[in-house]
PDB file of N, CA and C in Angstrom:
ATOM      1  N   MET A   1      36.253  40.987  -9.596  1.00  0.00           N
ATOM      2  CA  MET A   1      36.552  39.652 -10.120  1.00  0.00           C
ATOM      3  C   MET A   1      38.006  39.295  -9.836  1.00  0.00           C
ATOM      4  N   ASP A   2      38.200  38.081  -9.409  1.00  0.00           N
ATOM      5  CA  ASP A   2      39.578  37.647  -9.210  1.00  0.00           C
ATOM      6  C   ASP A   2      40.110  37.040 -10.508  1.00  0.00           C
ATOM      7  N   ILE A   3      41.352  36.697 -10.520  1.00  0.00           N
ATOM      8  CA  ILE A   3      42.035  36.244 -11.734  1.00  0.00           C
ATOM      9  C   ILE A   3      41.429  34.952 -12.291  1.00  0.00           C
ATOM     10  N   VAL A   4      40.997  34.069 -11.407  1.00  0.00           N
ATOM     11  CA  VAL A   4      40.416  32.795 -11.858  1.00  0.00           C
ATOM     12  C   VAL A   4      39.115  33.041 -12.618  1.00  0.00           C
ATOM     13  N   GLU A   5      38.276  33.936 -12.099  1.00  0.00           N
ATOM     14  CA  GLU A   5      37.022  34.256 -12.779  1.00  0.00           C
ATOM     15  C   GLU A   5      37.278  34.886 -14.142  1.00  0.00           C
ATOM     16  N   ILE A   6      38.253  35.764 -14.215  1.00  0.00           N
ATOM     17  CA  ILE A   6      38.585  36.423 -15.484  1.00  0.00           C
ATOM     18  C   ILE A   6      39.051  35.397 -16.509  1.00  0.00           C
ATOM     19  N   ILE A   7      39.918  34.480 -16.083  1.00  0.00           N
ATOM     20  CA  ILE A   7      40.412  33.440 -16.991  1.00  0.00           C
ATOM     21  C   ILE A   7      39.258  32.555 -17.458  1.00  0.00           C
ATOM     22  N   ALA A   8      38.394  32.169 -16.532  1.00  0.00           N
ATOM     23  CA  ALA A   8      37.255  31.314 -16.885  1.00  0.00           C
ATOM     24  C   ALA A   8      36.335  32.017 -17.879  1.00  0.00           C
ATOM     25  N   GLU A   9      36.029  33.281 -17.621  1.00  0.00           N
ATOM     26  CA  GLU A   9      35.165  34.041 -18.527  1.00  0.00           C
ATOM     27  C   GLU A   9      35.792  34.146 -19.913  1.00  0.00           C
ATOM     28  N   ASN A  10      37.092  34.402 -19.970  1.00  0.00           N
ATOM     29  CA  ASN A  10      37.778  34.492 -21.264  1.00  0.00           C
ATOM     30  C   ASN A  10      37.720  33.161 -22.018  1.00  0.00           C
ATOM     31  N   LYS A  11      37.911  32.058 -21.305  1.00  0.00           N
ATOM     32  CA  LYS A  11      37.854  30.729 -21.933  1.00  0.00           C
ATOM     33  C   LYS A  11      36.443  30.451 -22.472  1.00  0.00           C
ATOM     34  N   ILE A  12      35.428  30.836 -21.713  1.00  0.00           N
ATOM     35  CA  ILE A  12      34.043  30.625 -22.148  1.00  0.00           C
ATOM     36  C   ILE A  12      33.745  31.461 -23.389  1.00  0.00           C
ATOM     37  N   ARG A  13      34.136  32.729 -23.381  1.00  0.00           N
ATOM     38  CA  ARG A  13      33.924  33.598 -24.551  1.00  0.00           C
ATOM     39  C   ARG A  13      34.627  33.033 -25.783  1.00  0.00           C
ATOM     40  N   GLU A  14      35.848  32.552 -25.589  1.00  0.00           N
ATOM     41  CA  GLU A  14      36.624  31.975 -26.690  1.00  0.00           C
ATOM     42  C   GLU A  14      35.929  30.724 -27.244  1.00  0.00           C
ATOM     43  N   ALA A  15      35.400  29.886 -26.352  1.00  0.00           N
ATOM     44  CA  ALA A  15      34.704  28.670 -26.782  1.00  0.00           C
ATOM     45  C   ALA A  15      33.430  29.022 -27.548  1.00  0.00           C
ATOM     46  N   ILE A  16      32.708  30.041 -27.089  1.00  0.00           N
ATOM     47  CA  ILE A  16      31.498  30.484 -27.792  1.00  0.00           C
ATOM     48  C   ILE A  16      31.863  30.982 -29.181  1.00  0.00           C
ATOM     49  N   LYS A  17      32.919  31.781 -29.267  1.00  0.00           N
ATOM     50  CA  LYS A  17      33.373  32.346 -30.538  1.00  0.00           C
ATOM     51  C   LYS A  17      33.784  31.240 -31.513  1.00  0.00           C
ATOM     52  N   ASN A  18      34.401  30.175 -30.999  1.00  0.00           N
ATOM     53  CA  ASN A  18      34.851  29.058 -31.840  1.00  0.00           C
ATOM     54  C   ASN A  18      33.728  28.071 -32.158  1.00  0.00           C
ATOM     55  N   GLY A  19      32.546  28.298 -31.589  1.00  0.00           N
ATOM     56  CA  GLY A  19      31.398  27.435 -31.869  1.00  0.00           C
ATOM     57  C   GLY A  19      31.404  26.112 -31.133  1.00  0.00           C
ATOM     58  N   GLU A  20      32.137  26.028 -30.047  1.00  0.00           N
ATOM     59  CA  GLU A  20      32.239  24.765 -29.309  1.00  0.00           C
ATOM     60  C   GLU A  20      30.957  24.414 -28.555  1.00  0.00           C
ATOM     61  N   PHE A  21      30.058  25.368 -28.391  1.00  0.00           N
ATOM     62  CA  PHE A  21      28.805  25.104 -27.691  1.00  0.00           C
ATOM     63  C   PHE A  21      27.631  24.941 -28.661  1.00  0.00           C
ATOM     64  N   ASP A  22      27.901  24.943 -29.962  1.00  0.00           N
ATOM     65  CA  ASP A  22      26.828  24.920 -30.955  1.00  0.00           C
ATOM     66  C   ASP A  22      26.104  23.580 -31.051  1.00  0.00           C
ATOM     67  N   ASN A  23      26.788  22.478 -30.864  1.00  0.00           N
ATOM     68  CA  ASN A  23      26.182  21.157 -31.072  1.00  0.00           C
ATOM     69  C   ASN A  23      26.028  20.367 -29.779  1.00  0.00           C
ATOM     70  N   LEU A  24      25.760  21.037 -28.703  1.00  0.00           N
ATOM     71  CA  LEU A  24      25.589  20.347 -27.426  1.00  0.00           C
ATOM     72  C   LEU A  24      24.247  19.627 -27.373  1.00  0.00           C
ATOM     73  N   ALA A  25      24.226  18.482 -26.697  1.00  0.00           N
ATOM     74  CA  ALA A  25      22.970  17.750 -26.510  1.00  0.00           C
ATOM     75  C   ALA A  25      22.026  18.607 -25.670  1.00  0.00           C
ATOM     76  N   GLY A  26      20.777  18.657 -26.062  1.00  0.00           N
ATOM     77  CA  GLY A  26      19.795  19.428 -25.310  1.00  0.00           C
ATOM     78  C   GLY A  26      19.711  20.881 -25.729  1.00  0.00           C
ATOM     79  N   LYS A  27      20.458  21.267 -26.756  1.00  0.00           N
ATOM     80  CA  LYS A  27      20.429  22.662 -27.197  1.00  0.00           C
ATOM     81  C   LYS A  27      19.025  23.020 -27.678  1.00  0.00           C
ATOM     82  N   GLY A  28      18.507  24.123 -27.183  1.00  0.00           N
ATOM     83  CA  GLY A  28      17.190  24.594 -27.566  1.00  0.00           C
ATOM     84  C   GLY A  28      16.049  23.958 -26.794  1.00  0.00           C
ATOM     85  N   LYS A  29      16.370  23.036 -25.900  1.00  0.00           N
ATOM     86  CA  LYS A  29      15.344  22.379 -25.091  1.00  0.00           C
ATOM     87  C   LYS A  29      15.312  23.018 -23.712  1.00  0.00           C
ATOM     88  N   PRO A  30      14.129  23.052 -23.085  1.00  0.00           N
ATOM     89  CA  PRO A  30      14.056  23.652 -21.744  1.00  0.00           C
ATOM     90  C   PRO A  30      14.826  22.821 -20.720  1.00  0.00           C
ATOM     91  N   ILE A  31      15.384  23.488 -19.759  1.00  0.00           N
ATOM     92  CA  ILE A  31      16.104  22.824 -18.676  1.00  0.00           C
ATOM     93  C   ILE A  31      15.075  22.309 -17.676  1.00  0.00           C
ATOM     94  N   LYS A  32      15.238  21.060 -17.266  1.00  0.00           N
ATOM     95  CA  LYS A  32      14.330  20.485 -16.274  1.00  0.00           C
ATOM     96  C   LYS A  32      14.805  20.902 -14.889  1.00  0.00           C
ATOM     97  N   LEU A  33      14.041  21.774 -14.266  1.00  0.00           N
ATOM     98  CA  LEU A  33      14.378  22.216 -12.922  1.00  0.00           C
ATOM     99  C   LEU A  33      13.645  21.350 -11.912  1.00  0.00           C
ATOM    100  N   GLU A  34      14.351  20.972 -10.872  1.00  0.00           N
ATOM    101  CA  GLU A  34      13.756  20.135  -9.843  1.00  0.00           C
ATOM    102  C   GLU A  34      13.631  20.917  -8.549  1.00  0.00           C
ATOM    103  N   ASP A  35      12.622  20.554  -7.779  1.00  0.00           N
ATOM    104  CA  ASP A  35      12.462  21.147  -6.458  1.00  0.00           C
ATOM    105  C   ASP A  35      13.342  20.373  -5.488  1.00  0.00           C
ATOM    106  N   LEU A  36      14.445  20.962  -5.114  1.00  0.00           N
ATOM    107  CA  LEU A  36      15.378  20.318  -4.192  1.00  0.00           C
ATOM    108  C   LEU A  36      15.286  20.920  -2.797  1.00  0.00           C
ATOM    109  N   SER A  37      14.194  21.611  -2.526  1.00  0.00           N
ATOM    110  CA  SER A  37      14.073  22.312  -1.247  1.00  0.00           C
ATOM    111  C   SER A  37      14.050  21.364  -0.055  1.00  0.00           C
ATOM    112  N   ARG A  38      13.613  20.124  -0.260  1.00  0.00           N
ATOM    113  CA  ARG A  38      13.549  19.176   0.850  1.00  0.00           C
ATOM    114  C   ARG A  38      14.890  18.495   1.130  1.00  0.00           C
ATOM    115  N   ILE A  39      15.877  18.762   0.280  1.00  0.00           N
ATOM    116  CA  ILE A  39      17.200  18.154   0.434  1.00  0.00           C
ATOM    117  C   ILE A  39      18.161  19.208   0.961  1.00  0.00           C
ATOM    118  N   PRO A  40      18.910  18.890   2.013  1.00  0.00           N
ATOM    119  CA  PRO A  40      19.875  19.864   2.541  1.00  0.00           C
ATOM    120  C   PRO A  40      20.844  20.316   1.445  1.00  0.00           C
ATOM    121  N   GLU A  41      21.183  21.587   1.483  1.00  0.00           N
ATOM    122  CA  GLU A  41      21.998  22.181   0.427  1.00  0.00           C
ATOM    123  C   GLU A  41      23.310  21.438   0.195  1.00  0.00           C
ATOM    124  N   GLU A  42      23.945  20.986   1.273  1.00  0.00           N
ATOM    125  CA  GLU A  42      25.241  20.317   1.122  1.00  0.00           C
ATOM    126  C   GLU A  42      25.113  18.918   0.510  1.00  0.00           C
ATOM    127  N   LEU A  43      23.892  18.355   0.489  1.00  0.00           N
ATOM    128  CA  LEU A  43      23.688  17.023  -0.082  1.00  0.00           C
ATOM    129  C   LEU A  43      23.147  17.058  -1.515  1.00  0.00           C
ATOM    130  N   ARG A  44      22.775  18.223  -1.998  1.00  0.00           N
ATOM    131  CA  ARG A  44      22.148  18.326  -3.316  1.00  0.00           C
ATOM    132  C   ARG A  44      23.028  17.823  -4.458  1.00  0.00           C
ATOM    133  N   PRO A  45      24.315  18.194  -4.516  1.00  0.00           N
ATOM    134  CA  PRO A  45      25.130  17.668  -5.626  1.00  0.00           C
ATOM    135  C   PRO A  45      25.194  16.137  -5.628  1.00  0.00           C
ATOM    136  N   ALA A  46      25.382  15.550  -4.463  1.00  0.00           N
ATOM    137  CA  ALA A  46      25.436  14.084  -4.379  1.00  0.00           C
ATOM    138  C   ALA A  46      24.091  13.475  -4.761  1.00  0.00           C
ATOM    139  N   TYR A  47      22.996  14.095  -4.315  1.00  0.00           N
ATOM    140  CA  TYR A  47      21.659  13.604  -4.652  1.00  0.00           C
ATOM    141  C   TYR A  47      21.457  13.603  -6.165  1.00  0.00           C
ATOM    142  N   LEU A  48      21.834  14.692  -6.822  1.00  0.00           N
ATOM    143  CA  LEU A  48      21.650  14.784  -8.269  1.00  0.00           C
ATOM    144  C   LEU A  48      22.501  13.764  -9.011  1.00  0.00           C
ATOM    145  N   ILE A  49      23.724  13.553  -8.549  1.00  0.00           N
ATOM    146  CA  ILE A  49      24.595  12.555  -9.188  1.00  0.00           C
ATOM    147  C   ILE A  49      23.975  11.168  -9.072  1.00  0.00           C
ATOM    148  N   LEU A  50      23.531  10.816  -7.868  1.00  0.00           N
ATOM    149  CA  LEU A  50      22.921   9.503  -7.662  1.00  0.00           C
ATOM    150  C   LEU A  50      21.622   9.359  -8.449  1.00  0.00           C
ATOM    151  N   LYS A  51      20.825  10.417  -8.481  1.00  0.00           N
ATOM    152  CA  LYS A  51      19.557  10.373  -9.206  1.00  0.00           C
ATOM    153  C   LYS A  51      19.801  10.189 -10.700  1.00  0.00           C
ATOM    154  N   ASN A  52      20.756  10.932 -11.243  1.00  0.00           N
ATOM    155  CA  ASN A  52      21.066  10.814 -12.666  1.00  0.00           C
ATOM    156  C   ASN A  52      21.646   9.451 -13.011  1.00  0.00           C
ATOM    157  N   ALA A  53      22.279   8.804 -12.038  1.00  0.00           N
ATOM    158  CA  ALA A  53      22.838   7.466 -12.254  1.00  0.00           C
ATOM    159  C   ALA A  53      21.779   6.382 -12.080  1.00  0.00           C
ATOM    160  N   GLY A  54      20.570   6.772 -11.685  1.00  0.00           N
ATOM    161  CA  GLY A  54      19.495   5.808 -11.525  1.00  0.00           C
ATOM    162  C   GLY A  54      19.479   5.099 -10.188  1.00  0.00           C
ATOM    163  N   VAL A  55      20.203   5.628  -9.220  1.00  0.00           N
ATOM    164  CA  VAL A  55      20.248   5.022  -7.891  1.00  0.00           C
ATOM    165  C   VAL A  55      19.060   5.536  -7.076  1.00  0.00           C
ATOM    166  N   LEU A  56      18.307   4.607  -6.506  1.00  0.00           N
ATOM    167  CA  LEU A  56      17.142   4.978  -5.704  1.00  0.00           C
ATOM    168  C   LEU A  56      17.453   4.821  -4.226  1.00  0.00           C
ATOM    169  N   PRO A  57      16.787   5.598  -3.380  1.00  0.00           N
ATOM    170  CA  PRO A  57      16.912   5.355  -1.940  1.00  0.00           C
ATOM    171  C   PRO A  57      16.455   3.930  -1.633  1.00  0.00           C
ATOM    172  N   GLU A  58      17.045   3.339  -0.615  1.00  0.00           N
ATOM    173  CA  GLU A  58      16.793   1.928  -0.322  1.00  0.00           C
ATOM    174  C   GLU A  58      15.314   1.633  -0.098  1.00  0.00           C
ATOM    175  N   GLU A  59      14.601   2.523   0.607  1.00  0.00           N
ATOM    176  CA  GLU A  59      13.189   2.237   0.878  1.00  0.00           C
ATOM    177  C   GLU A  59      12.354   2.243  -0.394  1.00  0.00           C
ATOM    178  N   ILE A  60      12.684   3.112  -1.350  1.00  0.00           N
ATOM    179  CA  ILE A  60      11.955   3.148  -2.618  1.00  0.00           C
ATOM    180  C   ILE A  60      12.260   1.890  -3.423  1.00  0.00           C
ATOM    181  N   GLN A  61      13.526   1.488  -3.438  1.00  0.00           N
ATOM    182  CA  GLN A  61      13.918   0.268  -4.145  1.00  0.00           C
ATOM    183  C   GLN A  61      13.197  -0.945  -3.556  1.00  0.00           C
ATOM    184  N   LEU A  62      13.138  -1.013  -2.226  1.00  0.00           N
ATOM    185  CA  LEU A  62      12.445  -2.128  -1.577  1.00  0.00           C
ATOM    186  C   LEU A  62      10.956  -2.130  -1.913  1.00  0.00           C
ATOM    187  N   LYS A  63      10.334  -0.952  -1.941  1.00  0.00           N
ATOM    188  CA  LYS A  63       8.911  -0.869  -2.289  1.00  0.00           C
ATOM    189  C   LYS A  63       8.668  -1.391  -3.705  1.00  0.00           C
ATOM    190  N   LYS A  64       9.559  -1.032  -4.627  1.00  0.00           N
ATOM    191  CA  LYS A  64       9.427  -1.510  -6.001  1.00  0.00           C
ATOM    192  C   LYS A  64       9.566  -3.028  -6.064  1.00  0.00           C
ATOM    193  N   GLU A  65      10.569  -3.551  -5.350  1.00  0.00           N
ATOM    194  CA  GLU A  65      10.788  -4.996  -5.350  1.00  0.00           C
ATOM    195  C   GLU A  65       9.599  -5.730  -4.741  1.00  0.00           C
ATOM    196  N   ILE A  66       9.042  -5.190  -3.667  1.00  0.00           N
ATOM    197  CA  ILE A  66       7.876  -5.801  -3.025  1.00  0.00           C
ATOM    198  C   ILE A  66       6.691  -5.813  -3.990  1.00  0.00           C
ATOM    199  N   ALA A  67       6.465  -4.706  -4.676  1.00  0.00           N
ATOM    200  CA  ALA A  67       5.359  -4.630  -5.639  1.00  0.00           C
ATOM    201  C   ALA A  67       5.566  -5.626  -6.780  1.00  0.00           C
ATOM    202  N   ASN A  68       6.800  -5.759  -7.256  1.00  0.00           N
ATOM    203  CA  ASN A  68       7.089  -6.712  -8.335  1.00  0.00           C
ATOM    204  C   ASN A  68       6.830  -8.148  -7.894  1.00  0.00           C
ATOM    205  N   ILE A  69       7.270  -8.479  -6.686  1.00  0.00           N
ATOM    206  CA  ILE A  69       7.060  -9.840  -6.176  1.00  0.00           C
ATOM    207  C   ILE A  69       5.567 -10.118  -6.017  1.00  0.00           C
ATOM    208  N   LYS A  70       4.808  -9.133  -5.545  1.00  0.00           N
ATOM    209  CA  LYS A  70       3.357  -9.315  -5.411  1.00  0.00           C
ATOM    210  C   LYS A  70       2.707  -9.552  -6.766  1.00  0.00           C
ATOM    211  N   ASP A  71       3.165  -8.821  -7.782  1.00  0.00           N
ATOM    212  CA  ASP A  71       2.639  -9.033  -9.133  1.00  0.00           C
ATOM    213  C   ASP A  71       2.957 -10.440  -9.631  1.00  0.00           C
ATOM    214  N   LEU A  72       4.184 -10.894  -9.377  1.00  0.00           N
ATOM    215  CA  LEU A  72       4.568 -12.245  -9.784  1.00  0.00           C
ATOM    216  C   LEU A  72       3.719 -13.297  -9.076  1.00  0.00           C
ATOM    217  N   LEU A  73       3.441 -13.061  -7.806  1.00  0.00           N
ATOM    218  CA  LEU A  73       2.635 -14.010  -7.036  1.00  0.00           C
ATOM    219  C   LEU A  73       1.211 -14.134  -7.586  1.00  0.00           C
ATOM    220  N   LYS A  74       0.666 -13.037  -8.098  1.00  0.00           N
ATOM    221  CA  LYS A  74      -0.696 -13.063  -8.643  1.00  0.00           C
ATOM    222  C   LYS A  74      -0.820 -14.060  -9.797  1.00  0.00           C
ATOM    223  N   PHE A  75       0.245 -14.165 -10.588  1.00  0.00           N
ATOM    224  CA  PHE A  75       0.187 -14.986 -11.795  1.00  0.00           C
ATOM    225  C   PHE A  75       0.941 -16.308 -11.671  1.00  0.00           C
ATOM    226  N   CYS A  76       1.483 -16.564 -10.508  1.00  0.00           N
ATOM    227  CA  CYS A  76       2.265 -17.780 -10.294  1.00  0.00           C
ATOM    228  C   CYS A  76       1.326 -18.978 -10.101  1.00  0.00           C
ATOM    229  N   THR A  77       1.604 -20.053 -10.827  1.00  0.00           N
ATOM    230  CA  THR A  77       0.784 -21.261 -10.707  1.00  0.00           C
ATOM    231  C   THR A  77       1.542 -22.419 -10.069  1.00  0.00           C
ATOM    232  N   ASP A  78       2.848 -22.336 -10.034  1.00  0.00           N
ATOM    233  CA  ASP A  78       3.686 -23.391  -9.462  1.00  0.00           C
ATOM    234  C   ASP A  78       3.802 -23.194  -7.950  1.00  0.00           C
ATOM    235  N   ASN A  79       3.458 -24.228  -7.183  1.00  0.00           N
ATOM    236  CA  ASN A  79       3.485 -24.128  -5.719  1.00  0.00           C
ATOM    237  C   ASN A  79       4.884 -23.870  -5.174  1.00  0.00           C
ATOM    238  N   GLU A  80       5.877 -24.538  -5.747  1.00  0.00           N
ATOM    239  CA  GLU A  80       7.251 -24.366  -5.260  1.00  0.00           C
ATOM    240  C   GLU A  80       7.742 -22.941  -5.524  1.00  0.00           C
ATOM    241  N   GLU A  81       7.478 -22.464  -6.731  1.00  0.00           N
ATOM    242  CA  GLU A  81       7.879 -21.098  -7.078  1.00  0.00           C
ATOM    243  C   GLU A  81       7.123 -20.082  -6.225  1.00  0.00           C
ATOM    244  N   SER A  82       5.852 -20.338  -6.003  1.00  0.00           N
ATOM    245  CA  SER A  82       5.039 -19.461  -5.168  1.00  0.00           C
ATOM    246  C   SER A  82       5.595 -19.399  -3.749  1.00  0.00           C
ATOM    247  N   SER A  83       6.010 -20.539  -3.243  1.00  0.00           N
ATOM    248  CA  SER A  83       6.595 -20.595  -1.903  1.00  0.00           C
ATOM    249  C   SER A  83       7.882 -19.774  -1.826  1.00  0.00           C
ATOM    250  N   GLN A  84       8.712 -19.886  -2.855  1.00  0.00           N
ATOM    251  CA  GLN A  84       9.961 -19.113  -2.892  1.00  0.00           C
ATOM    252  C   GLN A  84       9.673 -17.614  -2.981  1.00  0.00           C
ATOM    253  N   LEU A  85       8.688 -17.251  -3.783  1.00  0.00           N
ATOM    254  CA  LEU A  85       8.328 -15.839  -3.911  1.00  0.00           C
ATOM    255  C   LEU A  85       7.791 -15.282  -2.597  1.00  0.00           C
ATOM    256  N   LYS A  86       6.987 -16.078  -1.895  1.00  0.00           N
ATOM    257  CA  LYS A  86       6.462 -15.630  -0.603  1.00  0.00           C
ATOM    258  C   LYS A  86       7.585 -15.438   0.405  1.00  0.00           C
ATOM    259  N   LYS A  87       8.567 -16.323   0.363  1.00  0.00           N
ATOM    260  CA  LYS A  87       9.724 -16.188   1.254  1.00  0.00           C
ATOM    261  C   LYS A  87      10.481 -14.896   0.937  1.00  0.00           C
ATOM    262  N   LYS A  88      10.703 -14.644  -0.360  1.00  0.00           N
ATOM    263  CA  LYS A  88      11.372 -13.404  -0.774  1.00  0.00           C
ATOM    264  C   LYS A  88      10.574 -12.181  -0.340  1.00  0.00           C
ATOM    265  N   LEU A  89       9.252 -12.259  -0.517  1.00  0.00           N
ATOM    266  CA  LEU A  89       8.381 -11.144  -0.147  1.00  0.00           C
ATOM    267  C   LEU A  89       8.485 -10.852   1.342  1.00  0.00           C
ATOM    268  N   ASN A  90       8.452 -11.888   2.153  1.00  0.00           N
ATOM    269  CA  ASN A  90       8.571 -11.706   3.601  1.00  0.00           C
ATOM    270  C   ASN A  90       9.910 -11.083   3.974  1.00  0.00           C
ATOM    271  N   GLU A  91      10.984 -11.525   3.317  1.00  0.00           N
ATOM    272  CA  GLU A  91      12.310 -10.956   3.591  1.00  0.00           C
ATOM    273  C   GLU A  91      12.354  -9.472   3.236  1.00  0.00           C
ATOM    274  N   LYS A  92      11.803  -9.131   2.069  1.00  0.00           N
ATOM    275  CA  LYS A  92      11.805  -7.728   1.628  1.00  0.00           C
ATOM    276  C   LYS A  92      10.955  -6.860   2.560  1.00  0.00           C
ATOM    277  N   MET A  93       9.794  -7.383   2.962  1.00  0.00           N
ATOM    278  CA  MET A  93       8.926  -6.609   3.855  1.00  0.00           C
ATOM    279  C   MET A  93       9.565  -6.440   5.228  1.00  0.00           C
ATOM    280  N   LEU A  94      10.237  -7.476   5.698  1.00  0.00           N
ATOM    281  CA  LEU A  94      10.944  -7.378   6.975  1.00  0.00           C
ATOM    282  C   LEU A  94      12.050  -6.339   6.882  1.00  0.00           C
ATOM    283  N   ARG A  95      12.814  -6.375   5.804  1.00  0.00           N
ATOM    284  CA  ARG A  95      13.896  -5.401   5.594  1.00  0.00           C
ATOM    285  C   ARG A  95      13.327  -3.981   5.524  1.00  0.00           C
ATOM    286  N   PHE A  96      12.216  -3.826   4.811  1.00  0.00           N
ATOM    287  CA  PHE A  96      11.582  -2.513   4.693  1.00  0.00           C
ATOM    288  C   PHE A  96      11.131  -2.005   6.061  1.00  0.00           C
ATOM    289  N   ASN A  97      10.457  -2.866   6.817  1.00  0.00           N
ATOM    290  CA  ASN A  97       9.975  -2.465   8.145  1.00  0.00           C
ATOM    291  C   ASN A  97      11.126  -2.120   9.086  1.00  0.00           C
ATOM    292  N   MET A  98      12.204  -2.894   9.009  1.00  0.00           N
ATOM    293  CA  MET A  98      13.377  -2.597   9.844  1.00  0.00           C
ATOM    294  C   MET A  98      13.978  -1.249   9.458  1.00  0.00           C
ATOM    295  N   LEU A  99      14.034  -0.992   8.176  1.00  0.00           N
ATOM    296  CA  LEU A  99      14.581   0.276   7.691  1.00  0.00           C
ATOM    297  C   LEU A  99      13.724   1.447   8.152  1.00  0.00           C
ATOM    298  N   MET A 100      12.412   1.290   8.078  1.00  0.00           N
ATOM    299  CA  MET A 100      11.514   2.361   8.500  1.00  0.00           C
ATOM    300  C   MET A 100      11.608   2.589  10.007  1.00  0.00           C
ATOM    301  N   GLU A 101      11.735   1.524  10.762  1.00  0.00           N
ATOM    302  CA  GLU A 101      11.892   1.696  12.209  1.00  0.00           C
ATOM    303  C   GLU A 101      13.214   2.368  12.526  1.00  0.00           C
ATOM    304  N   LYS A 102      14.238   1.967  11.801  1.00  0.00           N
ATOM    305  CA  LYS A 102      15.553   2.573  12.010  1.00  0.00           C
ATOM    306  C   LYS A 102      15.493   4.073  11.746  1.00  0.00           C
ATOM    307  N   ARG A 103      14.761   4.445  10.746  1.00  0.00           N
ATOM    308  CA  ARG A 103      14.641   5.871  10.404  1.00  0.00           C
ATOM    309  C   ARG A 103      13.542   6.551  11.197  1.00  0.00           C
ATOM    310  N   ARG A 104      12.884   5.776  12.033  1.00  0.00           N
ATOM    311  CA  ARG A 104      11.832   6.282  12.919  1.00  0.00           C
ATOM    312  C   ARG A 104      10.683   6.932  12.163  1.00  0.00           C
ATOM    313  N   LEU A 105      10.417   6.419  10.983  1.00  0.00           N
ATOM    314  CA  LEU A 105       9.289   6.950  10.217  1.00  0.00           C
ATOM    315  C   LEU A 105       8.007   6.210  10.550  1.00  0.00           C
ATOM    316  N   SER A 106       8.113   4.917  10.787  1.00  0.00           N
ATOM    317  CA  SER A 106       6.896   4.140  11.024  1.00  0.00           C
ATOM    318  C   SER A 106       6.364   4.334  12.432  1.00  0.00           C
ATOM    319  N   GLY A 107       7.152   4.873  13.336  1.00  0.00           N
ATOM    320  CA  GLY A 107       6.718   5.024  14.714  1.00  0.00           C
ATOM    321  C   GLY A 107       6.234   6.409  15.066  1.00  0.00           C
ATOM    322  N   THR A 108       6.160   7.302  14.109  1.00  0.00           N
ATOM    323  CA  THR A 108       5.731   8.659  14.430  1.00  0.00           C
ATOM    324  C   THR A 108       4.227   8.707  14.618  1.00  0.00           C
ATOM    325  N   LYS A 109       3.785   9.519  15.525  1.00  0.00           N
ATOM    326  CA  LYS A 109       2.356   9.638  15.815  1.00  0.00           C
ATOM    327  C   LYS A 109       1.595  10.215  14.628  1.00  0.00           C
ATOM    328  N   THR A 110       2.261  11.050  13.855  1.00  0.00           N
ATOM    329  CA  THR A 110       1.605  11.662  12.712  1.00  0.00           C
ATOM    330  C   THR A 110       1.383  10.652  11.600  1.00  0.00           C
ATOM    331  N   LEU A 111       2.347   9.786  11.382  1.00  0.00           N
ATOM    332  CA  LEU A 111       2.266   8.854  10.263  1.00  0.00           C
ATOM    333  C   LEU A 111       1.381   7.650  10.550  1.00  0.00           C
ATOM    334  N   ASN A 112       1.342   7.185  11.782  1.00  0.00           N
ATOM    335  CA  ASN A 112       0.625   5.947  12.104  1.00  0.00           C
ATOM    336  C   ASN A 112      -0.813   5.889  11.589  1.00  0.00           C
ATOM    337  N   PRO A 113      -1.632   6.942  11.737  1.00  0.00           N
ATOM    338  CA  PRO A 113      -3.008   6.849  11.226  1.00  0.00           C
ATOM    339  C   PRO A 113      -3.079   6.661   9.707  1.00  0.00           C
ATOM    340  N   TYR A 114      -2.044   7.065   8.992  1.00  0.00           N
ATOM    341  CA  TYR A 114      -2.055   7.006   7.538  1.00  0.00           C
ATOM    342  C   TYR A 114      -1.166   5.906   6.980  1.00  0.00           C
ATOM    343  N   LEU A 115      -0.493   5.176   7.843  1.00  0.00           N
ATOM    344  CA  LEU A 115       0.485   4.189   7.394  1.00  0.00           C
ATOM    345  C   LEU A 115      -0.157   3.128   6.501  1.00  0.00           C
ATOM    346  N   HIS A 116      -1.338   2.667   6.844  1.00  0.00           N
ATOM    347  CA  HIS A 116      -1.994   1.645   6.013  1.00  0.00           C
ATOM    348  C   HIS A 116      -2.321   2.195   4.623  1.00  0.00           C
ATOM    349  N   LYS A 117      -2.655   3.479   4.538  1.00  0.00           N
ATOM    350  CA  LYS A 117      -2.932   4.093   3.237  1.00  0.00           C
ATOM    351  C   LYS A 117      -1.654   4.194   2.406  1.00  0.00           C
ATOM    352  N   VAL A 118      -0.552   4.537   3.067  1.00  0.00           N
ATOM    353  CA  VAL A 118       0.740   4.619   2.376  1.00  0.00           C
ATOM    354  C   VAL A 118       1.127   3.241   1.853  1.00  0.00           C
ATOM    355  N   HIS A 119       0.980   2.217   2.694  1.00  0.00           N
ATOM    356  CA  HIS A 119       1.320   0.854   2.278  1.00  0.00           C
ATOM    357  C   HIS A 119       0.452   0.411   1.105  1.00  0.00           C
ATOM    358  N   ARG A 120      -0.847   0.725   1.169  1.00  0.00           N
ATOM    359  CA  ARG A 120      -1.750   0.342   0.089  1.00  0.00           C
ATOM    360  C   ARG A 120      -1.373   1.070  -1.203  1.00  0.00           C
ATOM    361  N   ARG A 121      -1.038   2.342  -1.080  1.00  0.00           N
ATOM    362  CA  ARG A 121      -0.691   3.145  -2.258  1.00  0.00           C
ATOM    363  C   ARG A 121       0.547   2.613  -2.966  1.00  0.00           C
ATOM    364  N   PHE A 122       1.549   2.181  -2.186  1.00  0.00           N
ATOM    365  CA  PHE A 122       2.792   1.688  -2.763  1.00  0.00           C
ATOM    366  C   PHE A 122       2.798   0.170  -2.927  1.00  0.00           C
ATOM    367  N   GLY A 123       1.694  -0.456  -2.605  1.00  0.00           N
ATOM    368  CA  GLY A 123       1.610  -1.896  -2.787  1.00  0.00           C
ATOM    369  C   GLY A 123       2.439  -2.688  -1.808  1.00  0.00           C
ATOM    370  N   VAL A 124       2.633  -2.131  -0.619  1.00  0.00           N
ATOM    371  CA  VAL A 124       3.443  -2.822   0.391  1.00  0.00           C
ATOM    372  C   VAL A 124       2.543  -3.614   1.298  1.00  0.00           C
TER     373      VAL A 124
END
């Protein structure tokens, strides 16, 4: 052990002895472990920070927005509002398709046979 580890261990022991860890949020609850195997090791800390902050990847955010607009369109009775929603929907779908092409996900031979199922599943 180097000096930094020794100091850290001593500080932790001292904090435990003083009861500083007794009233922590989540005490006695199981830790939620996530499967981060699909994320490169060097990106995992950033991924967890963004995930905990509620930030979604752009394609997931776009899928949610597209699904919301489609739901609004189902119940929309005003022609002008419906027209605006359709315009928004087209913009979001165009942005989504451009993003997928940029990431070369929509053009893969493996994905193409299932792409319509993926779109149907996510309401795109």
